[in-house]
């Protein structure tokens, strides 16, 4: 009897200890090192504005809590673009991380060095906590909680929000957004995203396609279009044509910032819908009649050419098609040719849209 009881206790202790042995065997010794690298990689991706890399490090329900605000990766990315132009370098230190087989958490210190407009520097310090989840593909960041250790330096908000979404026609903006929400949600077609030049195009007639979606809003700039990308990408378009930049130029946004915003749109679309063919249409110049009708953009064709040059250079590297509309509608002086323009010196007339359609048709997925 005593031997039997002894054997039972030995068996019981073995079974009791067995789960722990298995836990140790299946928990990699470097779990906290992996989690630490996830955080570093994530903030490197924020700094380099690489949306796909941001998402790859996180769970699908990832959230950021910051001073009473709740973000996901989409809103983090779009908010970054709204506060262009800046560069930031994150230095992460003092990691204290813990994990078991499925969950992890910890804290660390984040120091952010910002440079605005290539000349103005500022720094912020944060204490942050993070949680992690073990998924089928490995560890992922589940949440980040950010707390500022000190208020920004004097003048920091002024530079941080210098260029924000400025809608020239707020009531039109609201009306157009309401219209977009009311439309039947179609997928796999063509979407045009842009300003008044896009809005005024009768794309369904021009392309003989009743499913084409017009997402142009007169007066909108690249910041506003970044805000509207979520609605646009809900349609998972086969082709997206982006036409933007002239209103930014009229508002004094420098060319490299305009190009950076358009690049951000491209990268966001590529991450959200890899099947979408992206085409960026060049900014068209104005002519002398714009001085009367649109003085903010008149006389700025040198800036238009600078934006277009940068967009064209970026196209091959960023993986989008660049449609050189400007080169086909200018006169010998480099101004918008009157035969392609409305009397206001800015917008295309019917002949101008026909030129654009000839550029667009090779990228129309319905014609393949």
Protein backbone atom coordinates (compact mmCIF):
# COMPACT_ATOMS: atom_id res chain seq x y z
CA UNK A 1 0.00 0.00 0.00
CA UNK A 2 2.78 2.38 0.94
CA UNK A 3 4.62 1.62 -2.34
CA UNK A 4 1.39 2.16 -4.26
CA UNK A 5 0.79 5.53 -2.62
CA UNK A 6 4.37 6.52 -3.29
CA UNK A 7 3.98 5.66 -6.98
CA UNK A 8 0.73 7.69 -7.14
CA UNK A 9 2.41 10.74 -5.62
CA UNK A 10 5.33 10.45 -8.01
CA UNK A 11 2.91 10.22 -10.95
CA UNK A 12 0.88 13.16 -9.62
CA UNK A 13 3.98 15.33 -9.22
CA UNK A 14 5.14 14.41 -12.70
CA UNK A 15 1.80 15.38 -14.22
CA UNK A 16 1.72 18.58 -12.17
CA UNK A 17 5.15 19.60 -13.38
CA UNK A 18 4.62 18.54 -16.97
CA UNK A 19 2.71 21.69 -18.14
CA UNK A 20 5.45 23.86 -16.70
CA UNK A 21 8.07 21.87 -18.57
CA UNK A 22 6.10 22.28 -21.76
CA UNK A 23 5.70 26.02 -21.11
CA UNK A 24 9.42 26.41 -20.71
CA UNK A 25 10.08 24.38 -23.84
CA UNK A 26 7.70 26.40 -26.00
CA UNK A 27 8.63 29.87 -24.76
CA UNK A 28 11.68 31.16 -26.68
CA UNK A 29 14.33 32.64 -24.46
CA UNK A 30 14.52 35.74 -26.64
CA UNK A 31 10.79 36.67 -26.51
CA UNK A 32 11.45 40.01 -24.82
CA UNK A 33 14.21 40.76 -27.33
CA UNK A 34 11.73 40.12 -30.15
CA UNK A 35 9.17 42.42 -28.53
CA UNK A 36 11.79 45.11 -28.03
CA UNK A 37 12.70 44.93 -31.73
CA UNK A 38 9.03 45.12 -32.71
CA UNK A 39 8.68 48.45 -30.93
CA UNK A 40 11.90 49.81 -32.44
CA UNK A 41 10.89 48.68 -35.95
CA UNK A 42 7.41 50.14 -35.56
CA UNK A 43 8.66 53.61 -34.66
CA UNK A 44 11.32 53.45 -37.36
CA UNK A 45 8.44 52.82 -39.78
CA UNK A 46 6.54 55.79 -38.35
CA UNK A 47 9.61 57.97 -38.90
CA UNK A 48 10.10 56.74 -42.47
CA UNK A 49 6.32 56.82 -43.14
CA UNK A 50 6.20 53.16 -44.24
CA UNK A 51 2.61 52.15 -43.62
CA UNK A 52 3.00 48.49 -44.62
CA UNK A 53 5.84 48.04 -42.15
CA UNK A 54 3.78 49.70 -39.39
CA UNK A 55 0.93 47.24 -39.95
CA UNK A 56 3.22 44.21 -40.22
CA UNK A 57 4.36 44.66 -36.63
CA UNK A 58 0.88 44.90 -35.11
CA UNK A 59 -2.24 42.88 -34.46
CA UNK A 60 -5.32 43.64 -36.54
CA UNK A 61 -6.97 45.40 -33.59
CA UNK A 62 -3.89 47.44 -32.64
CA UNK A 63 -4.56 50.76 -30.90
CA UNK A 64 -2.55 53.72 -29.62
CA UNK A 65 -3.75 55.68 -26.60
CA UNK A 66 -2.33 59.20 -26.37
CA UNK A 67 -3.54 61.91 -23.99
CA UNK A 68 -7.19 60.86 -24.21
CA UNK A 69 -7.11 60.11 -27.95
CA UNK A 70 -7.41 56.66 -29.51
CA UNK A 71 -5.67 55.88 -32.78
CA UNK A 72 -5.28 52.89 -35.05
CA UNK A 73 -2.61 52.50 -37.71
CA UNK A 74 -4.75 54.19 -40.35
CA UNK A 75 -5.36 57.29 -38.25
CA UNK A 76 -1.75 57.38 -37.02
CA UNK A 77 -0.48 57.32 -40.59
CA UNK A 78 -2.93 59.91 -41.89
CA UNK A 79 -2.24 62.18 -38.92
CA UNK A 80 1.48 62.02 -39.67
CA UNK A 81 0.81 63.32 -43.16
CA UNK A 82 -1.45 66.11 -41.91
CA UNK A 83 1.51 67.48 -39.99
CA UNK A 84 4.01 67.43 -42.80
CA UNK A 85 6.65 68.55 -43.25
CA UNK A 86 8.92 67.11 -40.63
CA UNK A 87 11.53 64.49 -40.02
CA UNK A 88 11.71 62.61 -36.75
CA UNK A 89 14.15 60.21 -35.15
CA UNK A 90 13.01 58.09 -32.21
CA UNK A 91 15.50 56.91 -29.60
CA UNK A 92 14.01 54.18 -27.41
CA UNK A 93 15.68 53.21 -24.13
CA UNK A 94 15.06 51.73 -20.65
CA UNK A 95 13.03 48.76 -21.84
CA UNK A 96 11.34 46.70 -19.10
CA UNK A 97 9.52 43.85 -20.85
CA UNK A 98 7.83 40.67 -19.64
CA UNK A 99 6.10 37.76 -21.35
CA UNK A 100 4.51 34.37 -20.91
CA UNK A 101 3.45 31.99 -23.66
CA UNK A 102 0.73 34.23 -25.13
CA UNK A 103 0.92 37.75 -23.71
CA UNK A 104 3.58 40.34 -23.12
CA UNK A 105 3.78 43.84 -21.70
CA UNK A 106 6.30 46.41 -20.61
CA UNK A 107 7.47 50.00 -20.61
CA UNK A 108 10.20 52.07 -22.22
CA UNK A 109 11.32 55.67 -22.67
CA UNK A 110 10.95 57.39 -26.05
CA UNK A 111 12.90 60.49 -27.07
CA UNK A 112 11.77 62.10 -30.36
CA UNK A 113 13.95 64.60 -32.24
CA UNK A 114 11.92 66.59 -34.80
CA UNK A 115 13.21 68.76 -37.64
CA UNK A 116 10.64 71.02 -39.31
CA UNK A 117 11.16 72.67 -42.70
CA UNK A 118 14.75 71.34 -42.70
CA UNK A 119 15.79 73.99 -40.20
CA UNK A 120 13.69 74.15 -37.01
CA UNK A 121 14.50 71.54 -34.36
CA UNK A 122 12.46 70.41 -31.37
CA UNK A 123 12.41 67.41 -29.06
CA UNK A 124 9.81 65.56 -27.02
CA UNK A 125 10.10 62.87 -24.36
CA UNK A 126 7.54 60.18 -23.60
CA UNK A 127 7.08 57.31 -21.21
CA UNK A 128 5.28 54.55 -23.04
CA UNK A 129 3.80 51.17 -22.22
CA UNK A 130 3.01 48.42 -24.69
CA UNK A 131 1.15 45.12 -24.74
CA UNK A 132 1.89 42.20 -27.04
CA UNK A 133 0.07 39.13 -28.33
CA UNK A 134 1.52 35.85 -29.56
CA UNK A 135 -0.11 35.11 -32.94
CA UNK A 136 0.27 32.29 -35.43
CA UNK A 137 2.96 34.31 -37.18
CA UNK A 138 4.78 35.34 -34.02
CA UNK A 139 4.71 38.23 -31.57
CA UNK A 140 2.79 41.38 -32.51
CA UNK A 141 2.21 44.72 -30.80
CA UNK A 142 -1.35 44.91 -29.49
CA UNK A 143 -1.40 48.40 -27.96
CA UNK A 144 0.79 51.37 -27.09
CA UNK A 145 -0.01 53.93 -24.40
CA UNK A 146 1.84 57.24 -24.77
CA UNK A 147 2.33 59.85 -22.05
CA UNK A 148 4.29 63.07 -22.61
CA UNK A 149 6.88 63.72 -19.90
CA UNK A 150 6.89 67.47 -20.56
CA UNK A 151 4.93 69.95 -22.71
CA UNK A 152 6.39 70.85 -26.14
CA UNK A 153 8.79 73.75 -26.31
CA UNK A 154 7.40 77.21 -27.03
CA UNK A 155 6.67 77.52 -30.74
CA UNK A 156 6.52 73.76 -31.30
CA UNK A 157 2.77 73.58 -32.11
CA UNK A 158 3.08 76.47 -34.56
CA UNK A 159 5.61 74.59 -36.68
CA UNK A 160 4.00 71.21 -36.09
CA UNK A 161 0.68 72.29 -37.57
CA UNK A 162 1.76 74.90 -40.05
CA UNK A 163 0.20 73.12 -43.01
CA UNK A 164 -3.12 71.57 -42.15
CA UNK A 165 -6.16 70.66 -44.18
CA UNK A 166 -7.56 73.96 -45.45
CA UNK A 167 -10.77 73.60 -47.41
CA UNK A 168 -11.43 76.59 -49.63
CA UNK A 169 -15.15 75.80 -49.92
CA UNK A 170 -16.25 74.15 -46.63
CA UNK A 171 -19.94 73.90 -47.54
CA UNK A 172 -19.14 72.22 -50.86
CA UNK A 173 -16.82 69.86 -49.01
CA UNK A 174 -19.64 68.78 -46.67
CA UNK A 175 -22.08 68.35 -49.55
CA UNK A 176 -19.66 66.24 -51.56
CA UNK A 177 -18.82 64.03 -48.58
CA UNK A 178 -22.54 63.46 -47.94
CA UNK A 179 -22.98 62.54 -51.60
CA UNK A 180 -20.12 60.05 -51.41
CA UNK A 181 -21.69 58.35 -48.38
CA UNK A 182 -25.06 58.08 -50.12
CA UNK A 183 -23.69 56.34 -53.21
CA UNK A 184 -23.94 52.59 -53.59
CA UNK A 185 -20.65 51.05 -52.57
CA UNK A 186 -19.11 49.39 -55.60
CA UNK A 187 -15.79 47.62 -55.70
CA UNK A 188 -13.22 46.82 -58.33
CA UNK A 189 -13.85 49.82 -60.60
CA UNK A 190 -12.14 53.12 -61.33
CA UNK A 191 -11.91 55.98 -58.82
CA UNK A 192 -10.77 59.53 -59.54
CA UNK A 193 -9.45 61.40 -56.48
CA UNK A 194 -8.70 65.09 -56.76
CA UNK A 195 -9.80 68.70 -56.65
CA UNK A 196 -12.04 70.75 -58.97
CA UNK A 197 -10.33 69.47 -62.12
CA UNK A 198 -11.40 65.99 -61.08
CA UNK A 199 -14.83 67.07 -59.84
CA UNK A 200 -15.69 68.81 -63.12
CA UNK A 201 -14.80 65.75 -65.22
CA UNK A 202 -17.76 63.75 -66.53
CA UNK A 203 -15.81 60.52 -66.15
CA UNK A 204 -18.67 58.08 -66.62
CA UNK A 205 -19.49 59.58 -70.00
CA UNK A 206 -15.88 60.06 -71.02
CA UNK A 207 -15.00 56.45 -70.23
CA UNK A 208 -18.42 55.02 -71.08
CA UNK A 209 -18.47 53.32 -67.69
CA UNK A 210 -21.37 53.83 -65.27
CA UNK A 211 -19.37 52.43 -62.34
CA UNK A 212 -16.64 55.11 -62.33
CA UNK A 213 -16.54 57.04 -59.06
CA UNK A 214 -15.74 60.76 -58.99
CA UNK A 215 -14.06 61.73 -55.71
CA UNK A 216 -13.11 65.25 -56.72
CA UNK A 217 -13.83 68.19 -54.42
CA UNK A 218 -13.22 71.74 -55.65
CA UNK A 219 -10.77 73.57 -53.42
CA UNK A 220 -9.33 70.45 -51.80
CA UNK A 221 -5.62 69.99 -51.30
CA UNK A 222 -3.35 66.99 -50.66
CA UNK A 223 -4.00 67.10 -46.91
CA UNK A 224 -7.74 66.83 -47.48
CA UNK A 225 -7.25 63.98 -49.91
CA UNK A 226 -5.21 62.09 -47.33
CA UNK A 227 -8.14 62.51 -44.95
CA UNK A 228 -10.48 61.04 -47.56
CA UNK A 229 -8.45 57.99 -48.49
CA UNK A 230 -10.29 55.68 -46.10
CA UNK A 231 -13.57 56.27 -47.92
CA UNK A 232 -11.88 55.91 -51.30
CA UNK A 233 -10.18 52.63 -50.44
CA UNK A 234 -13.41 51.13 -49.10
CA UNK A 235 -14.20 50.65 -52.80
CA UNK A 236 -11.02 48.60 -53.41
CA UNK A 237 -10.60 50.15 -56.88
CA UNK A 238 -8.92 48.33 -59.72
CA UNK A 239 -7.46 51.70 -60.75
CA UNK A 240 -7.05 54.96 -58.85
CA UNK A 241 -6.23 58.25 -60.59
CA UNK A 242 -4.85 60.94 -58.26
CA UNK A 243 -4.95 64.57 -59.43
CA UNK A 244 -3.70 67.07 -56.86
CA UNK A 245 -1.36 69.92 -56.08
CA UNK A 246 -2.57 73.21 -57.55
CA UNK A 247 -4.51 74.26 -54.45
CA UNK A 248 -1.53 73.43 -52.24
CA UNK A 249 0.59 75.69 -54.46
CA UNK A 250 -2.00 78.44 -54.08
CA UNK A 251 -1.84 78.04 -50.30
CA UNK A 252 1.94 78.32 -50.20
CA UNK A 253 2.73 74.67 -49.51
CA UNK A 254 6.27 74.00 -50.84
CA UNK A 255 6.66 71.55 -53.76
CA UNK A 256 8.56 68.88 -51.82
CA UNK A 257 5.76 68.76 -49.22
CA UNK A 258 3.13 68.36 -51.93
CA UNK A 259 5.11 65.52 -53.48
CA UNK A 260 5.58 63.93 -50.04
CA UNK A 261 1.83 63.97 -49.46
CA UNK A 262 1.13 62.37 -52.82
CA UNK A 263 3.80 59.78 -52.09
CA UNK A 264 2.05 59.08 -48.77
CA UNK A 265 -1.23 58.50 -50.61
CA UNK A 266 0.49 56.08 -52.98
CA UNK A 267 2.16 54.13 -50.18
CA UNK A 268 -1.06 53.94 -48.16
CA UNK A 269 -3.03 52.66 -51.16
CA UNK A 270 -0.34 50.10 -51.99
CA UNK A 271 -0.50 48.76 -48.44
CA UNK A 272 -4.29 48.71 -48.28
CA UNK A 273 -5.00 47.42 -51.78
CA UNK A 274 -1.99 45.90 -53.58
CA UNK A 275 -4.16 45.08 -56.61
CA UNK A 276 -4.98 48.75 -57.27
CA UNK A 277 -3.21 50.33 -60.24
CA UNK A 278 -2.17 53.83 -59.15
CA UNK A 279 -1.84 56.67 -61.65
CA UNK A 280 -0.76 60.17 -60.64
CA UNK A 281 -1.77 62.95 -63.02
CA UNK A 282 0.59 65.89 -63.37
CA UNK A 283 -0.41 69.30 -62.06
CA UNK A 284 -1.51 71.48 -64.96
CA UNK A 285 -0.23 75.07 -65.21
CA UNK A 286 -2.41 78.17 -65.46
CA UNK A 287 -2.47 80.99 -68.00
CA UNK A 288 -2.83 84.76 -67.71
CA UNK A 289 -6.62 84.61 -67.23
CA UNK A 290 -6.08 82.99 -63.83
CA UNK A 291 -4.89 86.37 -62.53
CA UNK A 292 -8.48 87.56 -62.63
CA UNK A 293 -10.29 84.42 -61.54
CA UNK A 294 -7.78 82.59 -59.32
CA UNK A 295 -5.04 85.01 -58.24
CA UNK A 296 -3.73 82.61 -55.55
CA UNK A 297 -2.48 80.18 -58.18
CA UNK A 298 -1.67 82.63 -60.98
CA UNK A 299 1.97 83.19 -61.94
CA UNK A 300 3.19 80.04 -60.16
CA UNK A 301 3.91 77.81 -63.11
CA UNK A 302 7.55 77.46 -62.09
CA UNK A 303 6.33 75.74 -58.91
CA UNK A 304 3.98 73.58 -60.97
CA UNK A 305 6.91 72.42 -63.09
CA UNK A 306 8.95 71.70 -59.97
CA UNK A 307 6.19 69.52 -58.49
CA UNK A 308 5.77 67.64 -61.77
CA UNK A 309 9.49 67.05 -62.12
CA UNK A 310 9.64 65.53 -58.65
CA UNK A 311 6.52 63.41 -59.23
CA UNK A 312 7.95 62.03 -62.45
CA UNK A 313 11.28 61.20 -60.78
CA UNK A 314 9.49 59.49 -57.92
CA UNK A 315 7.11 57.42 -60.09
CA UNK A 316 9.49 54.61 -61.02
CA UNK A 317 10.86 54.20 -57.51
CA UNK A 318 7.44 54.36 -55.81
CA UNK A 319 5.72 52.07 -58.29
CA UNK A 320 3.04 54.26 -59.82
CA UNK A 321 2.26 55.53 -63.32
CA UNK A 322 2.86 59.22 -63.98
CA UNK A 323 0.56 60.77 -66.59
CA UNK A 324 2.15 63.87 -68.11
CA UNK A 325 -0.99 65.85 -68.84
CA UNK A 326 0.81 69.16 -68.35
CA UNK A 327 3.23 68.44 -71.18
CA UNK A 328 0.32 67.96 -73.58
CA UNK A 329 -1.77 71.02 -72.74
CA UNK A 330 0.84 73.80 -72.57
CA UNK A 331 1.59 76.40 -75.20
CA UNK A 332 5.05 77.44 -76.39
CA UNK A 333 5.55 79.64 -73.29
CA UNK A 334 4.74 76.85 -70.83
CA UNK A 335 1.34 78.27 -69.87
CA UNK A 336 -1.95 76.39 -70.12
CA UNK A 337 -2.92 76.50 -73.78
CA UNK A 338 -6.18 78.41 -74.23
CA UNK A 339 -7.54 75.81 -76.62
CA UNK A 340 -7.58 73.29 -73.74
CA UNK A 341 -8.70 75.70 -71.01
CA UNK A 342 -11.84 77.31 -69.75
CA UNK A 343 -11.86 81.14 -69.78
CA UNK A 344 -10.83 81.14 -66.10
CA UNK A 345 -7.26 80.13 -67.04
CA UNK A 346 -7.18 77.17 -64.64
CA UNK A 347 -9.69 74.47 -65.52
CA UNK A 348 -9.84 72.16 -68.51
CA UNK A 349 -12.47 72.53 -71.22
CA UNK A 350 -13.91 69.63 -73.22
CA UNK A 351 -10.84 69.48 -75.48
CA UNK A 352 -8.59 69.36 -72.42
CA UNK A 353 -10.49 66.43 -70.93
CA UNK A 354 -10.23 64.59 -74.24
CA UNK A 355 -6.45 64.91 -74.02
CA UNK A 356 -6.55 63.50 -70.51
CA UNK A 357 -8.81 60.62 -71.49
CA UNK A 358 -6.30 59.53 -74.14
CA UNK A 359 -3.68 59.28 -71.38
CA UNK A 360 -6.04 57.42 -69.05
CA UNK A 361 -7.46 54.79 -71.41
CA UNK A 362 -4.35 52.53 -71.45
CA UNK A 363 -4.78 52.17 -67.67
CA UNK A 364 -8.53 51.47 -67.80
CA UNK A 365 -8.86 47.88 -66.46
CA UNK A 366 -12.14 47.33 -68.33
CA UNK A 367 -10.32 47.63 -71.68
CA UNK A 368 -7.91 44.77 -71.12
